Amino acid sequence: MSDSETLLKATLNRVAARIGKKMINSAEELADIAKDAPRRIQEEWSQFKEEVIEESIRIEKDSKTKDSEDVEKTKRNQSHEELIQSKIDNLRSKVININRNLEEKN
């Protein structure tokens, strides 16, 4: 085998080895990400639920504050408050159901 053939063969061997090593490293990184995904999804879901509950509390407080400023307006808006509370209860129920479904899958 000539020097140029040997050099070419050595080059190809090293390129193949480096590509193989990079593929193995990429596969390991992908496996790590896949392992971490359920935990991250659960964290994001928990954070989302907290945000929804906090927002519903804020809406409820805002509604109560505005209503307390004017008694007559409160009387007219009682059905509106009940509608808001119903929506809040409905959202909470949906969040609980979705959470239950996620926990069953995990």
C-alpha atoms as a PDB file:
ATOM      1  CA  MET A   1       0.000   0.000   0.000  1.00  0.00           C
ATOM      2  CA  SER A   2       1.406   3.400  -0.936  1.00  0.00           C
ATOM      3  CA  ASP A   3       1.829   6.247   1.500  1.00  0.00           C
ATOM      4  CA  SER A   4      -1.080   8.170  -0.025  1.00  0.00           C
ATOM      5  CA  GLU A   5      -3.364   5.145   0.253  1.00  0.00           C
ATOM      6  CA  THR A   6      -2.310   4.613   3.854  1.00  0.00           C
ATOM      7  CA  LEU A   7      -2.880   8.286   4.636  1.00  0.00           C
ATOM      8  CA  LEU A   8      -6.292   8.211   2.950  1.00  0.00           C
ATOM      9  CA  LYS A   9      -7.295   5.052   4.815  1.00  0.00           C
ATOM     10  CA  ALA A  10      -6.114   6.528   8.141  1.00  0.00           C
ATOM     11  CA  THR A  11      -8.055   9.723   7.435  1.00  0.00           C
ATOM     12  CA  LEU A  12     -11.234   7.805   6.646  1.00  0.00           C
ATOM     13  CA  ASN A  13     -10.828   5.668   9.778  1.00  0.00           C
ATOM     14  CA  ARG A  14     -10.435   8.748  11.990  1.00  0.00           C
ATOM     15  CA  VAL A  15     -13.390  10.545  10.347  1.00  0.00           C
ATOM     16  CA  ALA A  16     -15.556   7.448  10.863  1.00  0.00           C
ATOM     17  CA  ALA A  17     -14.424   7.171  14.494  1.00  0.00           C
ATOM     18  CA  ARG A  18     -15.188  10.842  15.187  1.00  0.00           C
ATOM     19  CA  ILE A  19     -18.615  10.641  13.523  1.00  0.00           C
ATOM     20  CA  GLY A  20     -19.395   7.506  15.525  1.00  0.00           C
ATOM     21  CA  LYS A  21     -18.321   9.213  18.755  1.00  0.00           C
ATOM     22  CA  LYS A  22     -20.446  12.286  17.974  1.00  0.00           C
ATOM     23  CA  MET A  23     -23.448  10.075  17.227  1.00  0.00           C
ATOM     24  CA  ILE A  24     -23.014   8.219  20.512  1.00  0.00           C
ATOM     25  CA  ASN A  25     -22.745  11.503  22.426  1.00  0.00           C
ATOM     26  CA  SER A  26     -25.831  12.862  20.668  1.00  0.00           C
ATOM     27  CA  ALA A  27     -27.775   9.699  21.466  1.00  0.00           C
ATOM     28  CA  GLU A  28     -26.753   9.943  25.131  1.00  0.00           C
ATOM     29  CA  GLU A  29     -27.846  13.590  25.275  1.00  0.00           C
ATOM     30  CA  LEU A  30     -31.164  12.708  23.672  1.00  0.00           C
ATOM     31  CA  ALA A  31     -31.680   9.887  26.185  1.00  0.00           C
ATOM     32  CA  ASP A  32     -30.981  12.304  29.063  1.00  0.00           C
ATOM     33  CA  ILE A  33     -33.499  14.768  27.682  1.00  0.00           C
ATOM     34  CA  ALA A  34     -36.083  12.004  27.247  1.00  0.00           C
ATOM     35  CA  LYS A  35     -35.559  10.866  30.849  1.00  0.00           C
ATOM     36  CA  ASP A  36     -35.984  14.408  32.138  1.00  0.00           C
ATOM     37  CA  ALA A  37     -39.046  15.229  30.011  1.00  0.00           C
ATOM     38  CA  PRO A  38     -41.757  13.751  32.299  1.00  0.00           C
ATOM     39  CA  ARG A  39     -40.393  15.617  35.318  1.00  0.00           C
ATOM     40  CA  ARG A  40     -40.200  18.874  33.386  1.00  0.00           C
ATOM     41  CA  ILE A  41     -43.721  18.427  32.027  1.00  0.00           C
ATOM     42  CA  GLN A  42     -45.014  17.751  35.548  1.00  0.00           C
ATOM     43  CA  GLU A  43     -43.236  20.867  36.867  1.00  0.00           C
ATOM     44  CA  GLU A  44     -44.657  23.004  34.068  1.00  0.00           C
ATOM     45  CA  TRP A  45     -48.136  21.569  34.659  1.00  0.00           C
ATOM     46  CA  SER A  46     -47.919  22.258  38.406  1.00  0.00           C
ATOM     47  CA  GLN A  47     -46.763  25.795  37.748  1.00  0.00           C
ATOM     48  CA  PHE A  48     -49.592  26.320  35.263  1.00  0.00           C
ATOM     49  CA  LYS A  49     -52.178  25.076  37.783  1.00  0.00           C
ATOM     50  CA  GLU A  50     -50.813  27.462  40.415  1.00  0.00           C
ATOM     51  CA  GLU A  51     -50.990  30.349  37.954  1.00  0.00           C
ATOM     52  CA  VAL A  52     -54.597  29.514  37.069  1.00  0.00           C
ATOM     53  CA  ILE A  53     -55.589  29.344  40.741  1.00  0.00           C
ATOM     54  CA  GLU A  54     -53.777  32.614  41.502  1.00  0.00           C
ATOM     55  CA  GLU A  55     -55.469  34.284  38.534  1.00  0.00           C
ATOM     56  CA  SER A  56     -58.887  33.037  39.613  1.00  0.00           C
ATOM     57  CA  ILE A  57     -58.260  34.381  43.135  1.00  0.00           C
ATOM     58  CA  ARG A  58     -57.153  37.732  41.678  1.00  0.00           C
ATOM     59  CA  ILE A  59     -60.262  37.897  39.495  1.00  0.00           C
ATOM     60  CA  GLU A  60     -62.429  37.019  42.464  1.00  0.00           C
ATOM     61  CA  LYS A  61     -60.772  39.686  44.656  1.00  0.00           C
ATOM     62  CA  ASP A  62     -61.058  42.294  41.917  1.00  0.00           C
ATOM     63  CA  SER A  63     -64.706  41.432  41.496  1.00  0.00           C
ATOM     64  CA  LYS A  64     -65.369  41.681  45.228  1.00  0.00           C
ATOM     65  CA  THR A  65     -63.490  44.988  45.541  1.00  0.00           C
ATOM     66  CA  LYS A  66     -65.404  46.579  42.700  1.00  0.00           C
ATOM     67  CA  ASP A  67     -68.690  45.250  44.025  1.00  0.00           C
ATOM     68  CA  SER A  68     -68.111  46.554  47.561  1.00  0.00           C
ATOM     69  CA  GLU A  69     -67.719  50.109  46.252  1.00  0.00           C
ATOM     70  CA  ASP A  70     -71.340  50.330  45.168  1.00  0.00           C
ATOM     71  CA  VAL A  71     -74.074  48.331  46.960  1.00  0.00           C
ATOM     72  CA  GLU A  72     -76.614  48.875  44.222  1.00  0.00           C
ATOM     73  CA  LYS A  73     -74.145  47.717  41.625  1.00  0.00           C
ATOM     74  CA  THR A  74     -73.509  44.646  43.765  1.00  0.00           C
ATOM     75  CA  LYS A  75     -77.183  43.720  43.675  1.00  0.00           C
ATOM     76  CA  ARG A  76     -77.220  43.966  39.900  1.00  0.00           C
ATOM     77  CA  ASN A  77     -73.995  42.055  39.564  1.00  0.00           C
ATOM     78  CA  GLN A  78     -74.789  39.146  41.883  1.00  0.00           C
ATOM     79  CA  SER A  79     -75.701  36.965  38.965  1.00  0.00           C
ATOM     80  CA  HIS A  80     -72.477  38.097  37.298  1.00  0.00           C
ATOM     81  CA  GLU A  81     -70.471  37.075  40.369  1.00  0.00           C
ATOM     82  CA  GLU A  82     -72.206  33.735  40.429  1.00  0.00           C
ATOM     83  CA  LEU A  83     -71.326  33.302  36.777  1.00  0.00           C
ATOM     84  CA  ILE A  84     -67.687  34.155  37.500  1.00  0.00           C
ATOM     85  CA  GLN A  85     -67.628  31.807  40.479  1.00  0.00           C
ATOM     86  CA  SER A  86     -69.203  29.115  38.350  1.00  0.00           C
ATOM     87  CA  LYS A  87     -66.523  29.631  35.703  1.00  0.00           C
ATOM     88  CA  ILE A  88     -63.811  29.523  38.368  1.00  0.00           C
ATOM     89  CA  ASP A  89     -65.251  26.328  39.809  1.00  0.00           C
ATOM     90  CA  ASN A  90     -65.472  24.867  36.323  1.00  0.00           C
ATOM     91  CA  LEU A  91     -61.836  25.770  35.602  1.00  0.00           C
ATOM     92  CA  ARG A  92     -60.709  24.281  38.898  1.00  0.00           C
ATOM     93  CA  SER A  93     -62.636  21.114  38.123  1.00  0.00           C
ATOM     94  CA  LYS A  94     -61.028  20.870  34.689  1.00  0.00           C
ATOM     95  CA  VAL A  95     -57.564  21.427  36.151  1.00  0.00           C
ATOM     96  CA  ILE A  96     -58.190  18.696  38.729  1.00  0.00           C
ATOM     97  CA  ASN A  97     -59.406  16.291  36.031  1.00  0.00           C
ATOM     98  CA  ILE A  98     -56.463  17.016  33.752  1.00  0.00           C
ATOM     99  CA  ASN A  99     -54.051  16.598  36.658  1.00  0.00           C
ATOM    100  CA  ARG A 100     -55.691  13.296  37.588  1.00  0.00           C
ATOM    101  CA  ASN A 101     -55.335  12.087  33.993  1.00  0.00           C
ATOM    102  CA  LEU A 102     -51.666  13.095  33.889  1.00  0.00           C
ATOM    103  CA  GLU A 103     -50.956  11.361  37.185  1.00  0.00           C
ATOM    104  CA  GLU A 104     -52.645   8.200  35.932  1.00  0.00           C
ATOM    105  CA  LYS A 105     -50.449   8.226  32.839  1.00  0.00           C
ATOM    106  CA  ASN A 106     -47.287   8.717  34.892  1.00  0.00           C
END
